Amino acid sequence: MFHTENLVYGPVSVFLLYYDDFVTEEHLHNLLPEEHQRLKSFNHKGRQREYVATRVLRTMHFGNEPILYSEIGAPYIEGEGFISISHANHVVGMAYCADFQIGLDLEPIREKVMRVKHKFLSETEKCAYDTSSVEEMIKIWSGKEALYKLAGRKRIIFADNLLLTRKDDLRWKGLITFPEMKKEVELILQTKNDFVISINATPVYEIK
């Protein structure tokens, strides 16, 4: 039913919970009272399982502490450093770091990325990377989703404000750029099973 895996990237831990179809009612003891109410708002069984699986993973590592959300929708657990949450097909991930903000993304490798790649690739990226490769496009999309979580703001244009440069097979440089501010961070982009995992293992820092 559930299978767990823990990955370590320097000071960052990523906890993965793999699951098949399961009876959500058998795991409701992992939910807090307000989370029971939230669960009732989901009509789709897949979304219900995803929500419950996230709380199962939370309970495994942080007990029954509530998952809170900032004004821009970033999750956190009071007194527990920094966390980031993401989902793919039948897997939920929760990243944790005691020292700095993190952005986690799990992105399933799917052909439909080819229909939207023009929306998130910059002109430079269109020339630099293999736009015919589904996996490569998923990596860039996933890396930018992780950057989006690290940007700490809304109204972001992925092709203009979030840029990626490959350093080697695993490490990429991410740039968050706006007229009044630029930030840089190193990301790990790794293919795992049938999805891509993107996470920063170092802090984001501002550049001049």
N, C-alpha and C. Protein backbone atom coordinates (compact mmCIF):
# COMPACT_ATOMS: atom_id res chain seq x y z
N MET A 1 0.83 -1.20 0.00
CA MET A 1 0.00 0.00 0.00
C MET A 1 0.87 1.26 0.00
N PHE A 2 1.75 1.39 1.02
CA PHE A 2 2.67 2.51 1.10
C PHE A 2 4.10 2.00 1.07
N HIS A 3 4.95 2.74 0.35
CA HIS A 3 6.38 2.45 0.32
C HIS A 3 7.10 3.78 0.44
N THR A 4 8.08 3.85 1.33
CA THR A 4 8.76 5.12 1.57
C THR A 4 10.21 5.07 1.10
N GLU A 5 10.73 6.23 0.80
CA GLU A 5 12.12 6.39 0.40
C GLU A 5 12.60 7.75 0.87
N ASN A 6 13.77 7.80 1.43
CA ASN A 6 14.36 9.06 1.88
C ASN A 6 15.59 9.37 1.06
N LEU A 7 15.65 10.57 0.51
CA LEU A 7 16.80 11.03 -0.27
C LEU A 7 17.46 12.17 0.48
N VAL A 8 18.77 12.25 0.39
CA VAL A 8 19.51 13.31 1.07
C VAL A 8 20.36 14.05 0.05
N TYR A 9 20.19 15.36 0.01
CA TYR A 9 20.98 16.24 -0.85
C TYR A 9 21.66 17.27 0.05
N GLY A 10 22.84 16.93 0.58
CA GLY A 10 23.50 17.83 1.51
C GLY A 10 22.64 18.04 2.75
N PRO A 11 22.31 19.30 3.07
CA PRO A 11 21.50 19.58 4.26
C PRO A 11 20.00 19.40 4.05
N VAL A 12 19.61 18.97 2.86
CA VAL A 12 18.19 18.84 2.52
C VAL A 12 17.79 17.37 2.47
N SER A 13 16.70 17.05 3.15
CA SER A 13 16.12 15.70 3.10
C SER A 13 14.84 15.74 2.29
N VAL A 14 14.64 14.74 1.44
CA VAL A 14 13.40 14.61 0.69
C VAL A 14 12.78 13.27 1.05
N PHE A 15 11.59 13.32 1.64
CA PHE A 15 10.87 12.13 2.03
C PHE A 15 9.81 11.82 0.96
N LEU A 16 9.87 10.62 0.40
CA LEU A 16 8.92 10.21 -0.63
C LEU A 16 8.02 9.11 -0.09
N LEU A 17 6.76 9.22 -0.42
CA LEU A 17 5.78 8.18 -0.06
C LEU A 17 5.08 7.73 -1.34
N TYR A 18 5.34 6.48 -1.74
CA TYR A 18 4.68 5.91 -2.90
C TYR A 18 3.43 5.17 -2.44
N TYR A 19 2.38 5.25 -3.23
CA TYR A 19 1.14 4.58 -2.82
C TYR A 19 0.37 4.11 -4.05
N ASP A 20 -0.40 3.03 -3.84
CA ASP A 20 -1.36 2.56 -4.83
C ASP A 20 -2.73 3.05 -4.39
N ASP A 21 -3.76 2.63 -5.09
CA ASP A 21 -5.11 2.96 -4.64
C ASP A 21 -5.32 2.38 -3.24
N PHE A 22 -5.81 3.19 -2.34
CA PHE A 22 -6.06 2.71 -0.97
C PHE A 22 -7.36 3.32 -0.46
N VAL A 23 -7.88 2.73 0.59
CA VAL A 23 -9.13 3.20 1.19
C VAL A 23 -8.79 4.35 2.13
N THR A 24 -9.20 5.55 1.78
CA THR A 24 -8.82 6.72 2.57
C THR A 24 -9.34 6.63 4.00
N GLU A 25 -10.51 6.02 4.16
CA GLU A 25 -11.12 5.95 5.48
C GLU A 25 -10.26 5.19 6.49
N GLU A 26 -9.37 4.33 5.99
CA GLU A 26 -8.52 3.54 6.89
C GLU A 26 -7.35 4.35 7.44
N HIS A 27 -7.17 5.57 6.94
CA HIS A 27 -6.01 6.36 7.35
C HIS A 27 -6.40 7.74 7.87
N LEU A 28 -7.65 7.90 8.24
CA LEU A 28 -8.12 9.22 8.67
C LEU A 28 -7.56 9.62 10.03
N HIS A 29 -7.00 8.65 10.78
CA HIS A 29 -6.39 9.00 12.07
C HIS A 29 -5.15 9.87 11.89
N ASN A 30 -4.64 9.97 10.67
CA ASN A 30 -3.50 10.85 10.39
C ASN A 30 -3.92 12.29 10.17
N LEU A 31 -5.21 12.56 10.10
CA LEU A 31 -5.70 13.90 9.81
C LEU A 31 -6.14 14.61 11.08
N LEU A 32 -5.89 15.90 11.11
CA LEU A 32 -6.39 16.76 12.18
C LEU A 32 -7.84 17.13 11.89
N PRO A 33 -8.62 17.60 12.90
CA PRO A 33 -10.04 17.90 12.68
C PRO A 33 -10.30 18.82 11.49
N GLU A 34 -9.51 19.87 11.33
CA GLU A 34 -9.72 20.79 10.21
C GLU A 34 -9.36 20.12 8.88
N GLU A 35 -8.46 19.15 8.92
CA GLU A 35 -8.10 18.44 7.70
C GLU A 35 -9.20 17.47 7.27
N HIS A 36 -9.95 16.94 8.23
CA HIS A 36 -11.12 16.12 7.89
C HIS A 36 -12.12 16.96 7.09
N GLN A 37 -12.32 18.21 7.51
CA GLN A 37 -13.25 19.08 6.80
C GLN A 37 -12.74 19.41 5.40
N ARG A 38 -11.45 19.65 5.30
CA ARG A 38 -10.86 19.94 3.99
C ARG A 38 -11.00 18.75 3.05
N LEU A 39 -10.80 17.55 3.57
CA LEU A 39 -10.90 16.34 2.75
C LEU A 39 -12.29 16.22 2.13
N LYS A 40 -13.31 16.62 2.85
CA LYS A 40 -14.68 16.51 2.36
C LYS A 40 -14.94 17.40 1.15
N SER A 41 -14.07 18.40 0.94
CA SER A 41 -14.28 19.32 -0.18
C SER A 41 -13.78 18.74 -1.51
N PHE A 42 -13.06 17.63 -1.46
CA PHE A 42 -12.53 17.01 -2.69
C PHE A 42 -13.49 15.93 -3.16
N ASN A 43 -13.95 16.04 -4.39
CA ASN A 43 -14.87 15.05 -4.94
C ASN A 43 -14.15 13.92 -5.67
N HIS A 44 -12.95 14.20 -6.17
CA HIS A 44 -12.21 13.22 -6.95
C HIS A 44 -11.44 12.28 -6.02
N LYS A 45 -11.57 10.98 -6.21
CA LYS A 45 -10.92 9.99 -5.35
C LYS A 45 -9.40 10.14 -5.38
N GLY A 46 -8.85 10.42 -6.57
CA GLY A 46 -7.40 10.58 -6.67
C GLY A 46 -6.90 11.75 -5.85
N ARG A 47 -7.66 12.85 -5.86
CA ARG A 47 -7.26 14.02 -5.07
C ARG A 47 -7.40 13.73 -3.58
N GLN A 48 -8.41 12.97 -3.19
CA GLN A 48 -8.56 12.58 -1.79
C GLN A 48 -7.37 11.74 -1.32
N ARG A 49 -6.97 10.77 -2.14
CA ARG A 49 -5.83 9.92 -1.76
C ARG A 49 -4.55 10.74 -1.67
N GLU A 50 -4.37 11.67 -2.60
CA GLU A 50 -3.19 12.53 -2.58
C GLU A 50 -3.14 13.34 -1.29
N TYR A 51 -4.28 13.87 -0.88
CA TYR A 51 -4.36 14.69 0.33
C TYR A 51 -4.06 13.85 1.57
N VAL A 52 -4.67 12.67 1.64
CA VAL A 52 -4.46 11.80 2.79
C VAL A 52 -3.02 11.30 2.82
N ALA A 53 -2.47 10.92 1.66
CA ALA A 53 -1.09 10.44 1.60
C ALA A 53 -0.12 11.51 2.09
N THR A 54 -0.39 12.77 1.77
CA THR A 54 0.46 13.86 2.24
C THR A 54 0.44 13.94 3.76
N ARG A 55 -0.74 13.75 4.35
CA ARG A 55 -0.85 13.80 5.82
C ARG A 55 -0.23 12.57 6.46
N VAL A 56 -0.30 11.42 5.80
CA VAL A 56 0.39 10.22 6.30
C VAL A 56 1.89 10.49 6.35
N LEU A 57 2.43 11.07 5.28
CA LEU A 57 3.86 11.39 5.23
C LEU A 57 4.22 12.42 6.29
N ARG A 58 3.39 13.42 6.46
CA ARG A 58 3.61 14.44 7.50
C ARG A 58 3.70 13.80 8.87
N THR A 59 2.75 12.91 9.17
CA THR A 59 2.70 12.27 10.48
C THR A 59 3.93 11.41 10.72
N MET A 60 4.42 10.75 9.68
CA MET A 60 5.62 9.91 9.82
C MET A 60 6.82 10.71 10.31
N HIS A 61 6.94 11.95 9.84
CA HIS A 61 8.16 12.72 10.11
C HIS A 61 7.98 13.87 11.09
N PHE A 62 6.76 14.38 11.23
CA PHE A 62 6.55 15.53 12.10
C PHE A 62 5.42 15.33 13.10
N GLY A 63 4.88 14.11 13.16
CA GLY A 63 3.74 13.90 14.04
C GLY A 63 2.50 14.62 13.51
N ASN A 64 1.55 14.85 14.37
CA ASN A 64 0.30 15.48 13.94
C ASN A 64 0.35 17.00 14.06
N GLU A 65 1.47 17.58 13.64
CA GLU A 65 1.56 19.04 13.59
C GLU A 65 0.85 19.54 12.34
N PRO A 66 0.10 20.63 12.43
CA PRO A 66 -0.62 21.12 11.25
C PRO A 66 0.32 21.67 10.19
N ILE A 67 -0.04 21.43 8.94
CA ILE A 67 0.65 22.07 7.82
C ILE A 67 0.00 23.43 7.61
N LEU A 68 0.75 24.48 7.81
CA LEU A 68 0.25 25.84 7.67
C LEU A 68 0.72 26.40 6.32
N TYR A 69 0.09 27.50 5.90
CA TYR A 69 0.44 28.08 4.60
C TYR A 69 0.62 29.59 4.75
N SER A 70 1.67 30.11 4.11
CA SER A 70 1.93 31.54 4.13
C SER A 70 0.94 32.26 3.22
N GLU A 71 1.06 33.57 3.17
CA GLU A 71 0.13 34.37 2.36
C GLU A 71 0.30 34.11 0.86
N ILE A 72 1.44 33.56 0.46
CA ILE A 72 1.63 33.22 -0.96
C ILE A 72 1.46 31.72 -1.20
N GLY A 73 0.97 31.00 -0.18
CA GLY A 73 0.66 29.58 -0.37
C GLY A 73 1.79 28.62 -0.09
N ALA A 74 2.90 29.09 0.49
CA ALA A 74 4.03 28.20 0.80
C ALA A 74 3.76 27.45 2.10
N PRO A 75 3.91 26.12 2.11
CA PRO A 75 3.62 25.35 3.32
C PRO A 75 4.74 25.47 4.36
N TYR A 76 4.37 25.37 5.62
CA TYR A 76 5.36 25.31 6.70
C TYR A 76 4.75 24.63 7.91
N ILE A 77 5.61 24.12 8.76
CA ILE A 77 5.20 23.53 10.03
C ILE A 77 5.87 24.34 11.13
N GLU A 78 5.10 24.87 12.04
CA GLU A 78 5.60 25.76 13.07
C GLU A 78 6.77 25.12 13.82
N GLY A 79 7.89 25.86 13.87
CA GLY A 79 9.04 25.40 14.64
C GLY A 79 9.85 24.29 14.01
N GLU A 80 9.60 24.00 12.72
CA GLU A 80 10.27 22.86 12.09
C GLU A 80 11.11 23.26 10.88
N GLY A 81 11.69 24.43 10.89
CA GLY A 81 12.54 24.82 9.76
C GLY A 81 11.71 25.05 8.51
N PHE A 82 12.20 24.61 7.37
CA PHE A 82 11.56 24.88 6.09
C PHE A 82 11.12 23.57 5.45
N ILE A 83 9.93 23.57 4.85
CA ILE A 83 9.45 22.40 4.13
C ILE A 83 8.93 22.82 2.76
N SER A 84 8.81 21.85 1.88
CA SER A 84 8.19 22.06 0.58
C SER A 84 7.54 20.75 0.18
N ILE A 85 6.37 20.83 -0.46
CA ILE A 85 5.57 19.64 -0.76
C ILE A 85 5.27 19.60 -2.25
N SER A 86 5.29 18.40 -2.82
CA SER A 86 4.91 18.24 -4.22
C SER A 86 4.36 16.84 -4.43
N HIS A 87 3.71 16.63 -5.60
CA HIS A 87 3.09 15.35 -5.93
C HIS A 87 3.36 14.99 -7.38
N ALA A 88 3.40 13.70 -7.65
CA ALA A 88 3.40 13.19 -9.01
C ALA A 88 2.39 12.04 -9.02
N ASN A 89 2.48 11.14 -9.99
CA ASN A 89 1.53 10.03 -10.06
C ASN A 89 1.80 9.02 -8.95
N HIS A 90 0.88 8.92 -7.99
CA HIS A 90 0.99 7.95 -6.90
C HIS A 90 2.26 8.10 -6.07
N VAL A 91 2.73 9.33 -5.95
CA VAL A 91 3.84 9.60 -5.05
C VAL A 91 3.70 11.03 -4.52
N VAL A 92 3.97 11.19 -3.25
CA VAL A 92 3.99 12.52 -2.66
C VAL A 92 5.37 12.73 -2.05
N GLY A 93 5.89 13.94 -2.16
CA GLY A 93 7.20 14.27 -1.62
C GLY A 93 7.13 15.43 -0.66
N MET A 94 7.93 15.35 0.39
CA MET A 94 8.04 16.45 1.34
C MET A 94 9.52 16.68 1.61
N ALA A 95 10.00 17.86 1.27
CA ALA A 95 11.40 18.21 1.50
C ALA A 95 11.51 18.99 2.80
N TYR A 96 12.65 18.81 3.49
CA TYR A 96 12.87 19.49 4.76
C TYR A 96 14.30 20.00 4.84
N CYS A 97 14.46 21.22 5.34
CA CYS A 97 15.78 21.78 5.60
C CYS A 97 15.68 22.67 6.84
N ALA A 98 16.60 22.51 7.75
CA ALA A 98 16.57 23.29 8.99
C ALA A 98 17.05 24.72 8.78
N ASP A 99 17.84 24.95 7.72
CA ASP A 99 18.59 26.20 7.64
C ASP A 99 18.12 27.21 6.61
N PHE A 100 17.52 26.77 5.50
CA PHE A 100 17.17 27.73 4.46
C PHE A 100 15.95 27.25 3.67
N GLN A 101 15.35 28.21 2.95
CA GLN A 101 14.14 27.95 2.17
C GLN A 101 14.43 26.96 1.05
N ILE A 102 13.48 26.06 0.81
CA ILE A 102 13.63 25.06 -0.24
C ILE A 102 12.39 25.04 -1.13
N GLY A 103 12.61 24.60 -2.36
CA GLY A 103 11.51 24.44 -3.31
C GLY A 103 11.59 23.06 -3.94
N LEU A 104 10.60 22.23 -3.70
CA LEU A 104 10.57 20.87 -4.23
C LEU A 104 9.52 20.77 -5.32
N ASP A 105 9.87 20.07 -6.40
CA ASP A 105 8.87 19.74 -7.42
C ASP A 105 9.06 18.30 -7.88
N LEU A 106 7.96 17.58 -7.97
CA LEU A 106 7.93 16.25 -8.58
C LEU A 106 7.06 16.37 -9.82
N GLU A 107 7.62 16.01 -10.97
CA GLU A 107 6.89 16.20 -12.23
C GLU A 107 6.87 14.90 -13.01
N PRO A 108 5.69 14.32 -13.25
CA PRO A 108 5.62 13.08 -14.04
C PRO A 108 6.07 13.33 -15.47
N ILE A 109 6.76 12.35 -16.04
CA ILE A 109 7.25 12.47 -17.43
C ILE A 109 6.09 12.14 -18.36
N ARG A 110 5.54 13.19 -18.98
CA ARG A 110 4.36 13.04 -19.83
C ARG A 110 4.53 13.83 -21.12
N GLU A 111 3.98 13.27 -22.19
CA GLU A 111 4.10 13.87 -23.52
C GLU A 111 3.47 15.25 -23.62
N LYS A 112 2.49 15.52 -22.78
CA LYS A 112 1.74 16.78 -22.95
C LYS A 112 2.61 18.02 -22.72
N VAL A 113 3.80 17.83 -22.11
CA VAL A 113 4.70 18.97 -21.95
C VAL A 113 5.07 19.57 -23.30
N MET A 114 5.05 18.75 -24.35
CA MET A 114 5.44 19.23 -25.67
C MET A 114 4.46 20.27 -26.22
N ARG A 115 3.23 20.23 -25.71
CA ARG A 115 2.21 21.18 -26.19
C ARG A 115 2.32 22.54 -25.50
N VAL A 116 3.04 22.59 -24.39
CA VAL A 116 3.09 23.85 -23.63
C VAL A 116 4.51 24.38 -23.47
N LYS A 117 5.50 23.72 -24.07
CA LYS A 117 6.89 24.12 -23.84
C LYS A 117 7.17 25.56 -24.28
N HIS A 118 6.44 26.05 -25.27
CA HIS A 118 6.64 27.42 -25.73
C HIS A 118 6.28 28.45 -24.66
N LYS A 119 5.50 28.02 -23.67
CA LYS A 119 5.07 28.94 -22.63
C LYS A 119 6.11 29.13 -21.54
N PHE A 120 7.04 28.16 -21.37
CA PHE A 120 7.99 28.28 -20.27
C PHE A 120 9.44 28.36 -20.71
N LEU A 121 9.74 28.15 -22.00
CA LEU A 121 11.12 28.24 -22.48
C LEU A 121 11.47 29.66 -22.92
N SER A 122 12.61 30.15 -22.47
CA SER A 122 13.11 31.42 -23.00
C SER A 122 13.70 31.18 -24.38
N GLU A 123 13.98 32.24 -25.11
CA GLU A 123 14.59 32.08 -26.43
C GLU A 123 15.95 31.42 -26.33
N THR A 124 16.71 31.76 -25.31
CA THR A 124 18.03 31.13 -25.11
C THR A 124 17.88 29.65 -24.83
N GLU A 125 16.91 29.29 -24.00
CA GLU A 125 16.70 27.88 -23.65
C GLU A 125 16.23 27.07 -24.86
N LYS A 126 15.47 27.69 -25.74
CA LYS A 126 15.03 26.99 -26.95
C LYS A 126 16.21 26.57 -27.82
N CYS A 127 17.26 27.38 -27.80
CA CYS A 127 18.45 27.06 -28.59
C CYS A 127 19.41 26.13 -27.86
N ALA A 128 19.40 26.19 -26.53
CA ALA A 128 20.41 25.48 -25.75
C ALA A 128 20.05 24.03 -25.46
N TYR A 129 18.74 23.70 -25.48
CA TYR A 129 18.33 22.37 -25.04
C TYR A 129 17.56 21.63 -26.13
N ASP A 130 17.44 20.33 -25.95
CA ASP A 130 16.80 19.47 -26.93
C ASP A 130 15.28 19.57 -26.77
N THR A 131 14.67 20.41 -27.54
CA THR A 131 13.23 20.65 -27.41
C THR A 131 12.40 19.50 -27.97
N SER A 132 13.06 18.49 -28.55
CA SER A 132 12.33 17.31 -29.02
C SER A 132 12.31 16.20 -27.96
N SER A 133 13.02 16.40 -26.85
CA SER A 133 13.11 15.39 -25.79
C SER A 133 12.08 15.67 -24.70
N VAL A 134 11.16 14.74 -24.50
CA VAL A 134 10.14 14.90 -23.46
C VAL A 134 10.80 15.01 -22.09
N GLU A 135 11.77 14.14 -21.83
CA GLU A 135 12.42 14.16 -20.51
C GLU A 135 13.14 15.48 -20.26
N GLU A 136 13.83 16.00 -21.26
CA GLU A 136 14.54 17.26 -21.09
C GLU A 136 13.57 18.41 -20.85
N MET A 137 12.47 18.43 -21.56
CA MET A 137 11.48 19.48 -21.36
C MET A 137 10.82 19.37 -19.99
N ILE A 138 10.58 18.14 -19.53
CA ILE A 138 10.02 17.95 -18.19
C ILE A 138 11.00 18.44 -17.13
N LYS A 139 12.29 18.18 -17.34
CA LYS A 139 13.29 18.65 -16.38
C LYS A 139 13.26 20.18 -16.27
N ILE A 140 13.19 20.85 -17.41
CA ILE A 140 13.18 22.31 -17.36
C ILE A 140 11.88 22.82 -16.74
N TRP A 141 10.76 22.21 -17.08
CA TRP A 141 9.49 22.60 -16.48
C TRP A 141 9.53 22.39 -14.97
N SER A 142 10.03 21.22 -14.54
CA SER A 142 10.10 20.92 -13.12
C SER A 142 11.05 21.86 -12.39
N GLY A 143 12.21 22.12 -13.00
CA GLY A 143 13.15 23.05 -12.38
C GLY A 143 12.55 24.43 -12.19
N LYS A 144 11.75 24.87 -13.16
CA LYS A 144 11.13 26.18 -13.04
C LYS A 144 10.00 26.18 -12.02
N GLU A 145 9.33 25.05 -11.85
CA GLU A 145 8.33 24.95 -10.79
C GLU A 145 9.01 25.09 -9.42
N ALA A 146 10.18 24.47 -9.26
CA ALA A 146 10.93 24.62 -8.02
C ALA A 146 11.36 26.08 -7.82
N LEU A 147 11.83 26.72 -8.90
CA LEU A 147 12.21 28.13 -8.81
C LEU A 147 11.02 29.01 -8.44
N TYR A 148 9.86 28.69 -8.98
CA TYR A 148 8.65 29.46 -8.68
C TYR A 148 8.37 29.46 -7.18
N LYS A 149 8.56 28.28 -6.55
CA LYS A 149 8.34 28.19 -5.11
C LYS A 149 9.38 29.00 -4.33
N LEU A 150 10.57 29.12 -4.90
CA LEU A 150 11.63 29.87 -4.23
C LEU A 150 11.53 31.37 -4.47
N ALA A 151 10.79 31.78 -5.50
CA ALA A 151 10.70 33.20 -5.85
C ALA A 151 9.93 34.00 -4.81
N GLY A 152 8.98 33.36 -4.14
CA GLY A 152 8.26 34.03 -3.07
C GLY A 152 7.32 35.12 -3.53
N ARG A 153 6.80 35.00 -4.75
CA ARG A 153 5.86 36.00 -5.23
C ARG A 153 5.00 35.40 -6.34
N LYS A 154 3.93 36.07 -6.66
CA LYS A 154 3.04 35.63 -7.73
C LYS A 154 3.31 36.48 -8.97
N ARG A 155 2.47 36.30 -10.00
CA ARG A 155 2.60 37.05 -11.26
C ARG A 155 3.99 36.85 -11.88
N ILE A 156 4.34 35.60 -12.07
CA ILE A 156 5.64 35.25 -12.64
C ILE A 156 5.44 34.69 -14.04
N ILE A 157 6.25 35.14 -14.99
CA ILE A 157 6.26 34.60 -16.34
C ILE A 157 7.45 33.64 -16.44
N PHE A 158 7.17 32.36 -16.58
CA PHE A 158 8.21 31.35 -16.51
C PHE A 158 9.31 31.57 -17.56
N ALA A 159 8.92 31.99 -18.76
CA ALA A 159 9.90 32.15 -19.84
C ALA A 159 10.78 33.37 -19.65
N ASP A 160 10.34 34.34 -18.85
CA ASP A 160 11.09 35.58 -18.67
C ASP A 160 11.76 35.68 -17.31
N ASN A 161 11.08 35.26 -16.27
CA ASN A 161 11.55 35.50 -14.90
C ASN A 161 12.29 34.32 -14.27
N LEU A 162 12.13 33.12 -14.83
CA LEU A 162 12.76 31.92 -14.27
C LEU A 162 13.61 31.27 -15.36
N LEU A 163 14.92 31.24 -15.18
CA LEU A 163 15.83 30.77 -16.22
C LEU A 163 16.74 29.68 -15.68
N LEU A 164 17.08 28.73 -16.55
CA LEU A 164 17.90 27.59 -16.15
C LEU A 164 19.11 27.42 -17.06
N THR A 165 20.24 27.07 -16.45
CA THR A 165 21.46 26.75 -17.19
C THR A 165 22.01 25.44 -16.64
N ARG A 166 22.25 24.47 -17.54
CA ARG A 166 22.77 23.18 -17.08
C ARG A 166 24.26 23.28 -16.75
N LYS A 167 24.65 22.73 -15.58
CA LYS A 167 26.05 22.66 -15.19
C LYS A 167 26.62 21.26 -15.46
N ASP A 168 25.85 20.23 -15.14
CA ASP A 168 26.21 18.85 -15.47
C ASP A 168 24.93 18.03 -15.48
N ASP A 169 25.04 16.71 -15.44
CA ASP A 169 23.85 15.85 -15.57
C ASP A 169 22.83 16.08 -14.45
N LEU A 170 23.28 16.46 -13.27
CA LEU A 170 22.38 16.64 -12.14
C LEU A 170 22.21 18.10 -11.72
N ARG A 171 23.25 18.90 -11.84
CA ARG A 171 23.23 20.25 -11.27
C ARG A 171 22.92 21.30 -12.34
N TRP A 172 21.99 22.19 -11.99
CA TRP A 172 21.60 23.29 -12.86
C TRP A 172 21.65 24.59 -12.07
N LYS A 173 21.97 25.66 -12.76
CA LYS A 173 21.89 26.99 -12.14
C LYS A 173 20.54 27.59 -12.45
N GLY A 174 19.85 28.01 -11.41
CA GLY A 174 18.56 28.66 -11.58
C GLY A 174 18.67 30.15 -11.32
N LEU A 175 18.04 30.94 -12.16
CA LEU A 175 18.06 32.40 -12.01
C LEU A 175 16.63 32.90 -11.89
N ILE A 176 16.36 33.64 -10.84
CA ILE A 176 15.08 34.32 -10.63
C ILE A 176 15.34 35.80 -10.90
N THR A 177 14.76 36.33 -11.96
CA THR A 177 15.13 37.67 -12.38
C THR A 177 13.92 38.59 -12.56
N PHE A 178 14.01 39.76 -11.94
CA PHE A 178 13.03 40.83 -12.07
C PHE A 178 13.79 42.15 -12.19
N PRO A 179 13.17 43.20 -12.70
CA PRO A 179 13.90 44.47 -12.87
C PRO A 179 14.56 44.97 -11.60
N GLU A 180 13.94 44.76 -10.46
CA GLU A 180 14.46 45.29 -9.20
C GLU A 180 15.28 44.29 -8.40
N MET A 181 15.38 43.04 -8.90
CA MET A 181 16.04 42.02 -8.10
C MET A 181 16.42 40.81 -8.94
N LYS A 182 17.60 40.24 -8.63
CA LYS A 182 18.00 38.98 -9.25
C LYS A 182 18.50 38.03 -8.16
N LYS A 183 18.08 36.78 -8.24
CA LYS A 183 18.53 35.77 -7.29
C LYS A 183 19.00 34.53 -8.05
N GLU A 184 19.96 33.84 -7.44
CA GLU A 184 20.53 32.66 -8.07
C GLU A 184 20.52 31.50 -7.08
N VAL A 185 20.39 30.29 -7.61
CA VAL A 185 20.39 29.11 -6.74
C VAL A 185 20.82 27.90 -7.57
N GLU A 186 21.46 26.94 -6.92
CA GLU A 186 21.80 25.69 -7.59
C GLU A 186 20.71 24.67 -7.33
N LEU A 187 20.23 24.05 -8.40
CA LEU A 187 19.18 23.04 -8.31
C LEU A 187 19.73 21.66 -8.68
N ILE A 188 19.16 20.64 -8.07
CA ILE A 188 19.37 19.26 -8.49
C ILE A 188 18.14 18.85 -9.29
N LEU A 189 18.34 18.40 -10.53
CA LEU A 189 17.26 17.90 -11.37
C LEU A 189 17.56 16.44 -11.69
N GLN A 190 16.79 15.54 -11.13
CA GLN A 190 17.09 14.12 -11.21
C GLN A 190 15.89 13.33 -11.71
N THR A 191 16.11 12.47 -12.70
CA THR A 191 15.05 11.56 -13.15
C THR A 191 14.98 10.38 -12.19
N LYS A 192 13.77 10.12 -11.70
CA LYS A 192 13.57 9.05 -10.71
C LYS A 192 12.33 8.28 -11.10
N ASN A 193 12.51 6.99 -11.45
CA ASN A 193 11.38 6.19 -11.91
C ASN A 193 10.73 6.87 -13.12
N ASP A 194 9.46 7.24 -13.01
CA ASP A 194 8.77 7.87 -14.14
C ASP A 194 8.46 9.34 -13.87
N PHE A 195 9.28 9.96 -13.02
CA PHE A 195 9.09 11.39 -12.76
C PHE A 195 10.44 12.05 -12.56
N VAL A 196 10.43 13.38 -12.57
CA VAL A 196 11.63 14.18 -12.32
C VAL A 196 11.48 14.83 -10.96
N ILE A 197 12.55 14.82 -10.18
CA ILE A 197 12.57 15.51 -8.90
C ILE A 197 13.50 16.72 -9.02
N SER A 198 13.01 17.87 -8.58
CA SER A 198 13.81 19.10 -8.59
C SER A 198 13.84 19.67 -7.18
N ILE A 199 15.05 20.03 -6.72
CA ILE A 199 15.19 20.56 -5.36
C ILE A 199 16.47 21.38 -5.30
N ASN A 200 16.49 22.40 -4.47
CA ASN A 200 17.73 23.14 -4.22
C ASN A 200 18.38 22.60 -2.96
N ALA A 201 19.67 22.31 -3.03
CA ALA A 201 20.42 21.81 -1.88
C ALA A 201 21.31 22.88 -1.27
N THR A 202 21.21 24.10 -1.80
CA THR A 202 21.95 25.25 -1.28
C THR A 202 20.99 26.43 -1.18
N PRO A 203 21.34 27.46 -0.41
CA PRO A 203 20.43 28.60 -0.28
C PRO A 203 20.32 29.42 -1.56
N VAL A 204 19.24 30.15 -1.68
CA VAL A 204 19.09 31.17 -2.71
C VAL A 204 19.85 32.41 -2.27
N TYR A 205 20.58 33.04 -3.19
CA TYR A 205 21.28 34.26 -2.81
C TYR A 205 21.07 35.34 -3.86
N GLU A 206 21.06 36.57 -3.40
CA GLU A 206 20.83 37.71 -4.30
C GLU A 206 22.13 38.08 -4.98
N ILE A 207 22.04 38.43 -6.27
CA ILE A 207 23.21 38.84 -7.03
C ILE A 207 23.03 40.27 -7.53
N LYS A 208 24.12 40.94 -7.75
CA LYS A 208 24.09 42.33 -8.22
C LYS A 208 23.94 42.39 -9.73
